[in-house]
Amino acid sequence: MRWITNLIDKTGVLGVLVAAMGCASCFPALGALASTLGLGFLAQFEGVFINILRPVFAWIAIMANIFSFLSHKRFIRLIAGLVGPSLVLLTLYPLWAYGWSTYLFYLGLVIMFIVAIWDIISPAIKPREARK
């Protein structure tokens, strides 16, 4: 089970890097900075970043939270970890046509960021380890 968690963790790091490169084509300030750094060629891949890679990495985040729950049995962490990627997926597919879906998307990203900080500050421990 440990190797699955490590694999998903490394994939998440790759997802962060890909998302950071994709953001350079979405936001003007980051686009100017990225083109200064020589990353302007990524603008042609914006559709791939948004339509393919973002949902793939959202599903990977959901799987990572489920595997973490199977290992640590922390239900609150499972729910908190599933809300963010679920909001991202909802805004990409069924809710994209609504004007308020952008706010829902950013709320999902903020929730994912808060859960990641929570995991750094207070990592989950297995129930057996807590009793020792």
N, C-alpha and C. Protein backbone atom coordinates (compact mmCIF):
# COMPACT_ATOMS: atom_id res chain seq x y z
N MET A 1 0.83 -1.19 0.00
CA MET A 1 0.00 0.00 0.00
C MET A 1 0.87 1.25 0.00
N ARG A 2 2.05 1.15 0.58
CA ARG A 2 2.96 2.30 0.66
C ARG A 2 3.42 2.75 -0.73
N TRP A 3 3.68 1.80 -1.63
CA TRP A 3 4.16 2.17 -2.96
C TRP A 3 3.07 2.87 -3.76
N ILE A 4 1.81 2.52 -3.51
CA ILE A 4 0.70 3.20 -4.20
C ILE A 4 0.64 4.66 -3.74
N THR A 5 0.77 4.87 -2.45
CA THR A 5 0.75 6.23 -1.92
C THR A 5 1.91 7.05 -2.47
N ASN A 6 3.10 6.45 -2.54
CA ASN A 6 4.26 7.17 -3.09
C ASN A 6 4.06 7.49 -4.56
N LEU A 7 3.51 6.55 -5.32
CA LEU A 7 3.27 6.78 -6.74
C LEU A 7 2.27 7.92 -6.94
N ILE A 8 1.20 7.91 -6.18
CA ILE A 8 0.20 8.97 -6.31
C ILE A 8 0.78 10.30 -5.86
N ASP A 9 1.61 10.29 -4.84
CA ASP A 9 2.24 11.52 -4.37
C ASP A 9 3.13 12.12 -5.45
N LYS A 10 3.93 11.29 -6.10
CA LYS A 10 4.81 11.78 -7.17
C LYS A 10 4.00 12.27 -8.35
N THR A 11 2.91 11.59 -8.65
CA THR A 11 2.04 12.03 -9.74
C THR A 11 1.41 13.38 -9.42
N GLY A 12 1.07 13.58 -8.15
CA GLY A 12 0.53 14.87 -7.73
C GLY A 12 1.53 16.00 -7.92
N VAL A 13 2.79 15.73 -7.65
CA VAL A 13 3.83 16.74 -7.88
C VAL A 13 3.91 17.07 -9.36
N LEU A 14 3.86 16.05 -10.21
CA LEU A 14 3.86 16.27 -11.64
C LEU A 14 2.65 17.10 -12.06
N GLY A 15 1.50 16.82 -11.45
CA GLY A 15 0.29 17.59 -11.75
C GLY A 15 0.43 19.04 -11.38
N VAL A 16 1.08 19.32 -10.27
CA VAL A 16 1.30 20.71 -9.86
C VAL A 16 2.18 21.42 -10.88
N LEU A 17 3.22 20.75 -11.34
CA LEU A 17 4.11 21.37 -12.33
C LEU A 17 3.39 21.63 -13.65
N VAL A 18 2.59 20.67 -14.09
CA VAL A 18 1.84 20.83 -15.33
C VAL A 18 0.81 21.96 -15.18
N ALA A 19 0.14 22.00 -14.04
CA ALA A 19 -0.84 23.06 -13.82
C ALA A 19 -0.17 24.43 -13.78
N ALA A 20 1.00 24.50 -13.19
CA ALA A 20 1.72 25.78 -13.15
C ALA A 20 2.11 26.21 -14.56
N MET A 21 2.51 25.27 -15.39
CA MET A 21 2.85 25.63 -16.77
C MET A 21 1.59 26.04 -17.53
N GLY A 22 0.47 25.39 -17.26
CA GLY A 22 -0.77 25.73 -17.93
C GLY A 22 -1.32 27.08 -17.51
N CYS A 23 -1.09 27.47 -16.26
CA CYS A 23 -1.57 28.77 -15.79
C CYS A 23 -0.89 29.91 -16.51
N ALA A 24 0.31 29.68 -16.98
CA ALA A 24 1.02 30.73 -17.69
C ALA A 24 0.28 31.15 -18.95
N SER A 25 -0.49 30.26 -19.53
CA SER A 25 -1.23 30.62 -20.73
C SER A 25 -2.61 31.19 -20.41
N CYS A 26 -3.06 31.07 -19.17
CA CYS A 26 -4.40 31.54 -18.81
C CYS A 26 -4.42 32.96 -18.25
N PHE A 27 -3.46 33.28 -17.44
CA PHE A 27 -3.45 34.57 -16.76
C PHE A 27 -2.42 35.50 -17.42
N PRO A 28 -2.81 36.73 -17.75
CA PRO A 28 -1.91 37.63 -18.48
C PRO A 28 -0.59 37.91 -17.75
N ALA A 29 -0.64 38.13 -16.45
CA ALA A 29 0.59 38.44 -15.72
C ALA A 29 1.54 37.24 -15.73
N LEU A 30 0.98 36.05 -15.51
CA LEU A 30 1.81 34.85 -15.55
C LEU A 30 2.25 34.55 -16.97
N GLY A 31 1.41 34.88 -17.94
CA GLY A 31 1.79 34.68 -19.34
C GLY A 31 2.99 35.53 -19.72
N ALA A 32 3.01 36.79 -19.25
CA ALA A 32 4.16 37.66 -19.53
C ALA A 32 5.42 37.13 -18.85
N LEU A 33 5.27 36.69 -17.61
CA LEU A 33 6.42 36.13 -16.89
C LEU A 33 6.90 34.85 -17.56
N ALA A 34 5.96 34.00 -17.97
CA ALA A 34 6.34 32.73 -18.59
C ALA A 34 7.02 32.96 -19.94
N SER A 35 6.53 33.91 -20.72
CA SER A 35 7.18 34.16 -22.01
C SER A 35 8.57 34.75 -21.80
N THR A 36 8.75 35.51 -20.73
CA THR A 36 10.08 36.02 -20.41
C THR A 36 11.02 34.88 -20.06
N LEU A 37 10.49 33.85 -19.41
CA LEU A 37 11.29 32.69 -19.04
C LEU A 37 11.42 31.67 -20.17
N GLY A 38 10.80 31.94 -21.30
CA GLY A 38 10.89 31.03 -22.44
C GLY A 38 9.81 29.97 -22.47
N LEU A 39 8.72 30.17 -21.73
CA LEU A 39 7.64 29.19 -21.70
C LEU A 39 6.43 29.62 -22.54
N GLY A 40 6.60 30.59 -23.40
CA GLY A 40 5.50 31.08 -24.22
C GLY A 40 4.95 30.04 -25.17
N PHE A 41 5.76 29.03 -25.52
CA PHE A 41 5.29 27.98 -26.42
C PHE A 41 4.17 27.15 -25.82
N LEU A 42 3.98 27.22 -24.49
CA LEU A 42 2.93 26.42 -23.84
C LEU A 42 1.52 26.95 -24.11
N ALA A 43 1.41 28.17 -24.65
CA ALA A 43 0.09 28.74 -24.92
C ALA A 43 -0.70 27.88 -25.91
N GLN A 44 -0.01 27.21 -26.81
CA GLN A 44 -0.71 26.37 -27.79
C GLN A 44 -1.30 25.11 -27.16
N PHE A 45 -0.87 24.77 -25.96
CA PHE A 45 -1.37 23.58 -25.27
C PHE A 45 -2.40 23.90 -24.19
N GLU A 46 -2.93 25.10 -24.19
CA GLU A 46 -3.88 25.50 -23.15
C GLU A 46 -5.11 24.58 -23.13
N GLY A 47 -5.61 24.21 -24.28
CA GLY A 47 -6.77 23.31 -24.34
C GLY A 47 -6.47 21.95 -23.74
N VAL A 48 -5.26 21.46 -23.96
CA VAL A 48 -4.87 20.16 -23.39
C VAL A 48 -4.79 20.27 -21.87
N PHE A 49 -4.22 21.37 -21.38
CA PHE A 49 -4.10 21.56 -19.93
C PHE A 49 -5.47 21.62 -19.28
N ILE A 50 -6.39 22.35 -19.90
CA ILE A 50 -7.70 22.58 -19.28
C ILE A 50 -8.63 21.39 -19.47
N ASN A 51 -8.71 20.86 -20.67
CA ASN A 51 -9.72 19.84 -20.98
C ASN A 51 -9.28 18.41 -20.68
N ILE A 52 -7.99 18.15 -20.64
CA ILE A 52 -7.53 16.77 -20.43
C ILE A 52 -6.79 16.62 -19.11
N LEU A 53 -5.75 17.42 -18.90
CA LEU A 53 -4.89 17.20 -17.74
C LEU A 53 -5.54 17.61 -16.42
N ARG A 54 -6.30 18.69 -16.42
CA ARG A 54 -6.93 19.11 -15.17
C ARG A 54 -7.89 18.05 -14.63
N PRO A 55 -8.79 17.47 -15.45
CA PRO A 55 -9.64 16.41 -14.90
C PRO A 55 -8.86 15.16 -14.51
N VAL A 56 -7.81 14.84 -15.26
CA VAL A 56 -7.00 13.66 -14.91
C VAL A 56 -6.39 13.84 -13.52
N PHE A 57 -5.81 15.00 -13.27
CA PHE A 57 -5.18 15.22 -11.98
C PHE A 57 -6.21 15.40 -10.86
N ALA A 58 -7.41 15.87 -11.19
CA ALA A 58 -8.47 15.92 -10.18
C ALA A 58 -8.88 14.50 -9.78
N TRP A 59 -8.98 13.60 -10.75
CA TRP A 59 -9.30 12.20 -10.43
C TRP A 59 -8.17 11.54 -9.64
N ILE A 60 -6.92 11.89 -9.96
CA ILE A 60 -5.79 11.36 -9.19
C ILE A 60 -5.86 11.84 -7.75
N ALA A 61 -6.25 13.10 -7.55
CA ALA A 61 -6.39 13.62 -6.18
C ALA A 61 -7.50 12.88 -5.43
N ILE A 62 -8.59 12.57 -6.12
CA ILE A 62 -9.67 11.81 -5.48
C ILE A 62 -9.18 10.42 -5.10
N MET A 63 -8.45 9.76 -6.01
CA MET A 63 -7.93 8.42 -5.69
C MET A 63 -6.93 8.47 -4.54
N ALA A 64 -6.09 9.50 -4.51
CA ALA A 64 -5.12 9.62 -3.42
C ALA A 64 -5.81 9.78 -2.08
N ASN A 65 -6.90 10.54 -2.04
CA ASN A 65 -7.63 10.71 -0.79
C ASN A 65 -8.32 9.42 -0.36
N ILE A 66 -8.80 8.64 -1.31
CA ILE A 66 -9.43 7.36 -0.96
C ILE A 66 -8.39 6.39 -0.43
N PHE A 67 -7.23 6.31 -1.09
CA PHE A 67 -6.16 5.43 -0.60
C PHE A 67 -5.68 5.87 0.77
N SER A 68 -5.61 7.17 0.99
CA SER A 68 -5.21 7.68 2.30
C SER A 68 -6.22 7.28 3.36
N PHE A 69 -7.50 7.36 3.02
CA PHE A 69 -8.54 6.95 3.97
C PHE A 69 -8.43 5.47 4.31
N LEU A 70 -8.15 4.64 3.32
CA LEU A 70 -8.01 3.21 3.57
C LEU A 70 -6.85 2.91 4.50
N SER A 71 -5.84 3.77 4.47
CA SER A 71 -4.68 3.57 5.32
C SER A 71 -4.86 4.16 6.72
N HIS A 72 -5.44 5.37 6.79
CA HIS A 72 -5.50 6.10 8.06
C HIS A 72 -6.85 6.08 8.75
N LYS A 73 -7.91 5.79 8.02
CA LYS A 73 -9.28 5.72 8.57
C LYS A 73 -9.72 7.03 9.22
N ARG A 74 -9.37 8.15 8.61
CA ARG A 74 -9.79 9.47 9.10
C ARG A 74 -10.88 10.00 8.17
N PHE A 75 -12.15 9.87 8.61
CA PHE A 75 -13.29 10.22 7.77
C PHE A 75 -13.35 11.71 7.46
N ILE A 76 -13.03 12.56 8.44
CA ILE A 76 -13.07 14.01 8.22
C ILE A 76 -12.07 14.41 7.14
N ARG A 77 -10.88 13.81 7.16
CA ARG A 77 -9.88 14.10 6.14
C ARG A 77 -10.34 13.62 4.77
N LEU A 78 -11.04 12.50 4.72
CA LEU A 78 -11.56 12.00 3.45
C LEU A 78 -12.55 12.99 2.85
N ILE A 79 -13.49 13.42 3.65
CA ILE A 79 -14.50 14.36 3.16
C ILE A 79 -13.85 15.67 2.72
N ALA A 80 -12.96 16.20 3.56
CA ALA A 80 -12.28 17.47 3.22
C ALA A 80 -11.45 17.31 1.95
N GLY A 81 -10.81 16.16 1.79
CA GLY A 81 -9.98 15.94 0.61
C GLY A 81 -10.76 15.68 -0.66
N LEU A 82 -11.99 15.21 -0.54
CA LEU A 82 -12.80 14.93 -1.73
C LEU A 82 -13.59 16.13 -2.22
N VAL A 83 -13.84 17.09 -1.35
CA VAL A 83 -14.67 18.24 -1.73
C VAL A 83 -14.00 19.07 -2.82
N GLY A 84 -12.73 19.40 -2.65
CA GLY A 84 -12.03 20.26 -3.61
C GLY A 84 -11.98 19.69 -5.02
N PRO A 85 -11.43 18.48 -5.21
CA PRO A 85 -11.40 17.92 -6.56
C PRO A 85 -12.79 17.69 -7.15
N SER A 86 -13.76 17.38 -6.30
CA SER A 86 -15.13 17.19 -6.80
C SER A 86 -15.70 18.50 -7.33
N LEU A 87 -15.42 19.60 -6.65
CA LEU A 87 -15.88 20.90 -7.15
C LEU A 87 -15.21 21.25 -8.47
N VAL A 88 -13.93 20.93 -8.60
CA VAL A 88 -13.22 21.19 -9.85
C VAL A 88 -13.85 20.39 -10.99
N LEU A 89 -14.13 19.12 -10.75
CA LEU A 89 -14.75 18.29 -11.79
C LEU A 89 -16.17 18.76 -12.12
N LEU A 90 -16.91 19.18 -11.11
CA LEU A 90 -18.27 19.68 -11.37
C LEU A 90 -18.25 20.93 -12.23
N THR A 91 -17.31 21.81 -11.98
CA THR A 91 -17.27 23.04 -12.78
C THR A 91 -16.74 22.79 -14.18
N LEU A 92 -15.98 21.75 -14.38
CA LEU A 92 -15.48 21.46 -15.73
C LEU A 92 -16.56 20.86 -16.62
N TYR A 93 -17.48 20.11 -16.06
CA TYR A 93 -18.43 19.40 -16.90
C TYR A 93 -19.87 19.90 -16.77
N PRO A 94 -20.63 19.56 -15.74
CA PRO A 94 -22.05 19.92 -15.79
C PRO A 94 -22.34 21.39 -15.49
N LEU A 95 -21.49 22.08 -14.77
CA LEU A 95 -21.80 23.45 -14.35
C LEU A 95 -21.05 24.53 -15.13
N TRP A 96 -20.35 24.17 -16.19
CA TRP A 96 -19.49 25.12 -16.89
C TRP A 96 -20.27 26.27 -17.51
N ALA A 97 -21.51 26.06 -17.89
CA ALA A 97 -22.29 27.07 -18.59
C ALA A 97 -22.74 28.22 -17.70
N TYR A 98 -22.70 28.03 -16.40
CA TYR A 98 -23.18 29.06 -15.48
C TYR A 98 -22.06 30.04 -15.14
N GLY A 99 -22.42 31.29 -14.95
CA GLY A 99 -21.44 32.34 -14.65
C GLY A 99 -20.78 32.15 -13.29
N TRP A 100 -21.49 31.60 -12.35
CA TRP A 100 -20.93 31.44 -11.01
C TRP A 100 -20.03 30.22 -10.89
N SER A 101 -19.91 29.42 -11.96
CA SER A 101 -19.08 28.21 -11.88
C SER A 101 -17.60 28.54 -11.71
N THR A 102 -17.18 29.71 -12.17
CA THR A 102 -15.78 30.11 -11.99
C THR A 102 -15.47 30.25 -10.50
N TYR A 103 -16.39 30.85 -9.77
CA TYR A 103 -16.19 30.99 -8.32
C TYR A 103 -16.16 29.62 -7.63
N LEU A 104 -17.00 28.72 -8.10
CA LEU A 104 -17.02 27.37 -7.55
C LEU A 104 -15.71 26.65 -7.83
N PHE A 105 -15.16 26.87 -9.03
CA PHE A 105 -13.88 26.28 -9.39
C PHE A 105 -12.78 26.78 -8.46
N TYR A 106 -12.71 28.09 -8.27
CA TYR A 106 -11.67 28.64 -7.39
C TYR A 106 -11.88 28.23 -5.94
N LEU A 107 -13.13 28.07 -5.52
CA LEU A 107 -13.40 27.55 -4.18
C LEU A 107 -12.83 26.14 -4.03
N GLY A 108 -13.02 25.31 -5.05
CA GLY A 108 -12.45 23.97 -5.03
C GLY A 108 -10.93 24.00 -4.93
N LEU A 109 -10.29 24.89 -5.66
CA LEU A 109 -8.83 25.02 -5.59
C LEU A 109 -8.38 25.48 -4.21
N VAL A 110 -9.10 26.43 -3.63
CA VAL A 110 -8.76 26.92 -2.29
C VAL A 110 -8.92 25.81 -1.25
N ILE A 111 -9.98 25.04 -1.37
CA ILE A 111 -10.19 23.93 -0.44
C ILE A 111 -9.07 22.91 -0.57
N MET A 112 -8.66 22.60 -1.80
CA MET A 112 -7.55 21.67 -2.00
C MET A 112 -6.26 22.22 -1.38
N PHE A 113 -6.03 23.52 -1.50
CA PHE A 113 -4.85 24.14 -0.92
C PHE A 113 -4.89 24.07 0.61
N ILE A 114 -6.05 24.36 1.20
CA ILE A 114 -6.19 24.32 2.66
C ILE A 114 -5.98 22.90 3.18
N VAL A 115 -6.54 21.91 2.49
CA VAL A 115 -6.36 20.51 2.92
C VAL A 115 -4.89 20.11 2.81
N ALA A 116 -4.20 20.57 1.78
CA ALA A 116 -2.78 20.26 1.64
C ALA A 116 -1.96 20.88 2.77
N ILE A 117 -2.28 22.11 3.14
CA ILE A 117 -1.59 22.75 4.27
C ILE A 117 -1.91 22.01 5.56
N TRP A 118 -3.16 21.60 5.73
CA TRP A 118 -3.57 20.83 6.91
C TRP A 118 -2.76 19.53 7.00
N ASP A 119 -2.56 18.86 5.86
CA ASP A 119 -1.79 17.62 5.86
C ASP A 119 -0.32 17.86 6.21
N ILE A 120 0.20 19.00 5.85
CA ILE A 120 1.60 19.32 6.19
C ILE A 120 1.72 19.64 7.68
N ILE A 121 0.80 20.45 8.18
CA ILE A 121 0.87 20.87 9.59
C ILE A 121 0.54 19.73 10.53
N SER A 122 -0.49 18.97 10.22
CA SER A 122 -0.94 17.89 11.10
C SER A 122 -1.15 16.62 10.29
N PRO A 123 -0.07 15.87 10.00
CA PRO A 123 -0.24 14.67 9.19
C PRO A 123 -1.09 13.62 9.90
N ALA A 124 -1.83 12.88 9.10
CA ALA A 124 -2.67 11.81 9.65
C ALA A 124 -1.79 10.66 10.13
N ILE A 125 -2.17 10.09 11.24
CA ILE A 125 -1.47 8.91 11.74
C ILE A 125 -2.46 7.77 11.79
N LYS A 126 -1.96 6.58 11.69
CA LYS A 126 -2.84 5.42 11.74
C LYS A 126 -3.45 5.30 13.14
N PRO A 127 -4.68 4.79 13.24
CA PRO A 127 -5.33 4.66 14.54
C PRO A 127 -4.51 3.83 15.52
N ARG A 128 -3.81 2.78 15.06
CA ARG A 128 -3.00 1.97 15.97
C ARG A 128 -1.85 2.77 16.55
N GLU A 129 -1.25 3.66 15.74
CA GLU A 129 -0.12 4.47 16.23
C GLU A 129 -0.56 5.49 17.28
N ALA A 130 -1.80 5.92 17.19
CA ALA A 130 -2.29 6.92 18.14
C ALA A 130 -2.41 6.34 19.54
N ARG A 131 -2.65 5.03 19.65
CA ARG A 131 -2.84 4.40 20.96
C ARG A 131 -1.53 4.11 21.67
N LYS A 132 -0.43 4.06 20.95
CA LYS A 132 0.86 3.70 21.57
C LYS A 132 1.42 4.80 22.41
